Amino acid sequence: MHALWRRPRHRPQLGSRPTALEGLPLLAHAFAQGRLSFDKLSALLAIATSDNEAELLEQALALNLNALKSLVRRQRPVTKEEEAEAHEQRSLRWAVDERKNSSGCGAIFGPIRGQRW
């Protein structure tokens, strides 16, 4: 398992996560056995603690990656900075021609509940 952490293509994605994994033996074991993919592990590390590790592992093994990422987004609290950034990204544009007819509009809404683009 530790050889994976040294592989260059995984280093940028992990950041300080190998250290976080050391406190989560169930996730580490499932990953080492190949039962838990790297992508699922990466998503879980955003919210995993020693208290919820067993429950999260059970859910991760039952869900596909997109469903698991959705679960993680719902459980991870959104910071005030993320909320403010999402608000800043929202916009609404409306165009009216000379006859006061709408000639087009566009709306851009920020990410949903902490989701990043």
C-alpha atoms as a PDB file:
ATOM      1  CA  MET A   1       0.000   0.000   0.000  1.00  0.00           C
ATOM      2  CA  HIS A   2       2.734   2.495   0.865  1.00  0.00           C
ATOM      3  CA  ALA A   3       4.269   2.146  -2.602  1.00  0.00           C
ATOM      4  CA  LEU A   4       1.150   3.779  -4.050  1.00  0.00           C
ATOM      5  CA  TRP A   5       1.720   6.941  -2.029  1.00  0.00           C
ATOM      6  CA  ARG A   6       5.143   7.318  -3.635  1.00  0.00           C
ATOM      7  CA  ARG A   7       3.872   7.001  -7.202  1.00  0.00           C
ATOM      8  CA  PRO A   8       4.215  10.474  -8.800  1.00  0.00           C
ATOM      9  CA  ARG A   9       0.827  10.512 -10.528  1.00  0.00           C
ATOM     10  CA  HIS A  10      -1.004  10.161  -7.196  1.00  0.00           C
ATOM     11  CA  ARG A  11       1.050  12.666  -5.206  1.00  0.00           C
ATOM     12  CA  PRO A  12      -0.669  15.886  -6.376  1.00  0.00           C
ATOM     13  CA  GLN A  13      -4.129  14.534  -5.599  1.00  0.00           C
ATOM     14  CA  LEU A  14      -3.323  13.272  -2.132  1.00  0.00           C
ATOM     15  CA  GLY A  15      -1.681  16.234  -0.476  1.00  0.00           C
ATOM     16  CA  SER A  16      -1.463  15.360   3.226  1.00  0.00           C
ATOM     17  CA  ARG A  17      -3.972  12.502   2.949  1.00  0.00           C
ATOM     18  CA  PRO A  18      -1.534   9.613   3.549  1.00  0.00           C
ATOM     19  CA  THR A  19      -1.155  10.895   7.107  1.00  0.00           C
ATOM     20  CA  ALA A  20      -4.930  11.104   7.504  1.00  0.00           C
ATOM     21  CA  LEU A  21      -5.253   7.503   6.336  1.00  0.00           C
ATOM     22  CA  GLU A  22      -3.023   6.279   9.142  1.00  0.00           C
ATOM     23  CA  GLY A  23      -5.777   7.085  11.655  1.00  0.00           C
ATOM     24  CA  LEU A  24      -8.378   5.181   9.600  1.00  0.00           C
ATOM     25  CA  PRO A  25      -7.383   1.510   9.697  1.00  0.00           C
ATOM     26  CA  LEU A  26     -10.595   0.151   8.135  1.00  0.00           C
ATOM     27  CA  LEU A  27     -10.282   2.396   5.077  1.00  0.00           C
ATOM     28  CA  ALA A  28      -6.561   1.659   4.820  1.00  0.00           C
ATOM     29  CA  HIS A  29      -7.180  -2.093   4.968  1.00  0.00           C
ATOM     30  CA  ALA A  30     -10.010  -2.014   2.394  1.00  0.00           C
ATOM     31  CA  PHE A  31      -7.818   0.078   0.084  1.00  0.00           C
ATOM     32  CA  ALA A  32      -4.818  -2.231   0.551  1.00  0.00           C
ATOM     33  CA  GLN A  33      -6.990  -5.253  -0.301  1.00  0.00           C
ATOM     34  CA  GLY A  34      -8.299  -3.542  -3.429  1.00  0.00           C
ATOM     35  CA  ARG A  35     -11.895  -3.466  -2.189  1.00  0.00           C
ATOM     36  CA  LEU A  36     -11.915   0.352  -2.130  1.00  0.00           C
ATOM     37  CA  SER A  37     -10.769   2.330  -5.177  1.00  0.00           C
ATOM     38  CA  PHE A  38      -8.396   5.270  -5.004  1.00  0.00           C
ATOM     39  CA  ASP A  39     -11.154   7.631  -6.197  1.00  0.00           C
ATOM     40  CA  LYS A  40     -13.580   6.475  -3.510  1.00  0.00           C
ATOM     41  CA  LEU A  41     -10.872   6.688  -0.852  1.00  0.00           C
ATOM     42  CA  SER A  42      -9.986  10.200  -1.951  1.00  0.00           C
ATOM     43  CA  ALA A  43     -13.636  11.286  -1.687  1.00  0.00           C
ATOM     44  CA  LEU A  44     -14.077   9.683   1.748  1.00  0.00           C
ATOM     45  CA  LEU A  45     -11.022  11.332   3.266  1.00  0.00           C
ATOM     46  CA  ALA A  46     -12.798  14.700   3.122  1.00  0.00           C
ATOM     47  CA  ILE A  47     -15.257  13.595   5.843  1.00  0.00           C
ATOM     48  CA  ALA A  48     -13.905  10.381   7.397  1.00  0.00           C
ATOM     49  CA  THR A  49     -13.142  10.218  11.104  1.00  0.00           C
ATOM     50  CA  SER A  50     -12.396   7.275  13.353  1.00  0.00           C
ATOM     51  CA  ASP A  51     -15.986   7.534  14.614  1.00  0.00           C
ATOM     52  CA  ASN A  52     -17.745   7.300  11.227  1.00  0.00           C
ATOM     53  CA  GLU A  53     -15.170   5.225   9.338  1.00  0.00           C
ATOM     54  CA  ALA A  54     -17.038   1.884   9.525  1.00  0.00           C
ATOM     55  CA  GLU A  55     -20.335   3.375   8.353  1.00  0.00           C
ATOM     56  CA  LEU A  56     -18.660   5.291   5.510  1.00  0.00           C
ATOM     57  CA  LEU A  57     -16.786   2.202   4.361  1.00  0.00           C
ATOM     58  CA  GLU A  58     -20.015   0.198   4.253  1.00  0.00           C
ATOM     59  CA  GLN A  59     -21.688   2.925   2.179  1.00  0.00           C
ATOM     60  CA  ALA A  60     -18.659   3.302  -0.111  1.00  0.00           C
ATOM     61  CA  LEU A  61     -18.665  -0.402  -0.919  1.00  0.00           C
ATOM     62  CA  ALA A  62     -22.380  -0.305  -1.769  1.00  0.00           C
ATOM     63  CA  LEU A  63     -22.453   2.960  -3.787  1.00  0.00           C
ATOM     64  CA  ASN A  64     -20.958   3.887  -7.134  1.00  0.00           C
ATOM     65  CA  LEU A  65     -18.437   6.747  -7.239  1.00  0.00           C
ATOM     66  CA  ASN A  66     -20.898   9.484  -8.245  1.00  0.00           C
ATOM     67  CA  ALA A  67     -23.363   8.521  -5.523  1.00  0.00           C
ATOM     68  CA  LEU A  68     -20.535   8.452  -2.981  1.00  0.00           C
ATOM     69  CA  LYS A  69     -19.307  11.899  -4.035  1.00  0.00           C
ATOM     70  CA  SER A  70     -22.851  13.207  -3.672  1.00  0.00           C
ATOM     71  CA  LEU A  71     -23.053  11.714  -0.173  1.00  0.00           C
ATOM     72  CA  VAL A  72     -19.750  13.353   0.764  1.00  0.00           C
ATOM     73  CA  ARG A  73     -20.915  16.757  -0.529  1.00  0.00           C
ATOM     74  CA  ARG A  74     -24.077  16.516   1.565  1.00  0.00           C
ATOM     75  CA  GLN A  75     -22.167  15.603   4.728  1.00  0.00           C
ATOM     76  CA  ARG A  76     -19.301  18.050   4.381  1.00  0.00           C
ATOM     77  CA  PRO A  77     -20.155  21.432   5.873  1.00  0.00           C
ATOM     78  CA  VAL A  78     -19.787  24.411   3.558  1.00  0.00           C
ATOM     79  CA  THR A  79     -17.459  27.120   4.848  1.00  0.00           C
ATOM     80  CA  LYS A  80     -18.439  30.782   4.761  1.00  0.00           C
ATOM     81  CA  GLU A  81     -15.654  31.389   2.245  1.00  0.00           C
ATOM     82  CA  GLU A  82     -17.021  28.706  -0.112  1.00  0.00           C
ATOM     83  CA  GLU A  83     -20.526  30.105   0.233  1.00  0.00           C
ATOM     84  CA  ALA A  84     -19.305  33.634  -0.512  1.00  0.00           C
ATOM     85  CA  GLU A  85     -17.319  32.420  -3.531  1.00  0.00           C
ATOM     86  CA  ALA A  86     -20.369  30.582  -4.907  1.00  0.00           C
ATOM     87  CA  HIS A  87     -22.460  33.715  -4.414  1.00  0.00           C
ATOM     88  CA  GLU A  88     -19.907  35.825  -6.296  1.00  0.00           C
ATOM     89  CA  GLN A  89     -20.020  33.407  -9.241  1.00  0.00           C
ATOM     90  CA  ARG A  90     -23.783  33.772  -9.685  1.00  0.00           C
ATOM     91  CA  SER A  91     -25.035  36.152 -12.349  1.00  0.00           C
ATOM     92  CA  LEU A  92     -28.111  36.999 -14.380  1.00  0.00           C
ATOM     93  CA  ARG A  93     -28.061  38.824 -17.704  1.00  0.00           C
ATOM     94  CA  TRP A  94     -31.073  40.144 -19.524  1.00  0.00           C
ATOM     95  CA  ALA A  95     -31.125  41.902 -22.873  1.00  0.00           C
ATOM     96  CA  VAL A  96     -33.985  43.987 -24.258  1.00  0.00           C
ATOM     97  CA  ASP A  97     -34.093  45.263 -27.834  1.00  0.00           C
ATOM     98  CA  GLU A  98     -35.423  48.647 -29.000  1.00  0.00           C
ATOM     99  CA  ARG A  99     -39.021  47.325 -29.113  1.00  0.00           C
ATOM    100  CA  LYS A 100     -38.719  46.215 -25.479  1.00  0.00           C
ATOM    101  CA  ASN A 101     -38.686  42.550 -26.447  1.00  0.00           C
ATOM    102  CA  SER A 102     -36.412  40.159 -24.700  1.00  0.00           C
ATOM    103  CA  SER A 103     -33.659  39.190 -27.052  1.00  0.00           C
ATOM    104  CA  GLY A 104     -31.980  36.703 -24.740  1.00  0.00           C
ATOM    105  CA  CYS A 105     -31.061  36.050 -21.205  1.00  0.00           C
ATOM    106  CA  GLY A 106     -28.554  33.960 -19.393  1.00  0.00           C
ATOM    107  CA  ALA A 107     -28.071  32.860 -15.852  1.00  0.00           C
ATOM    108  CA  ILE A 108     -25.085  31.335 -14.166  1.00  0.00           C
ATOM    109  CA  PHE A 109     -25.654  29.878 -10.763  1.00  0.00           C
ATOM    110  CA  GLY A 110     -22.821  28.911  -8.504  1.00  0.00           C
ATOM    111  CA  PRO A 111     -21.998  25.412  -7.329  1.00  0.00           C
ATOM    112  CA  ILE A 112     -24.535  23.536  -5.274  1.00  0.00           C
ATOM    113  CA  ARG A 113     -23.781  23.338  -1.565  1.00  0.00           C
ATOM    114  CA  GLY A 114     -20.021  23.538  -1.637  1.00  0.00           C
ATOM    115  CA  GLN A 115     -19.552  21.662  -4.886  1.00  0.00           C
ATOM    116  CA  ARG A 116     -16.549  23.036  -6.698  1.00  0.00           C
ATOM    117  CA  TRP A 117     -16.321  23.635 -10.449  1.00  0.00           C
END
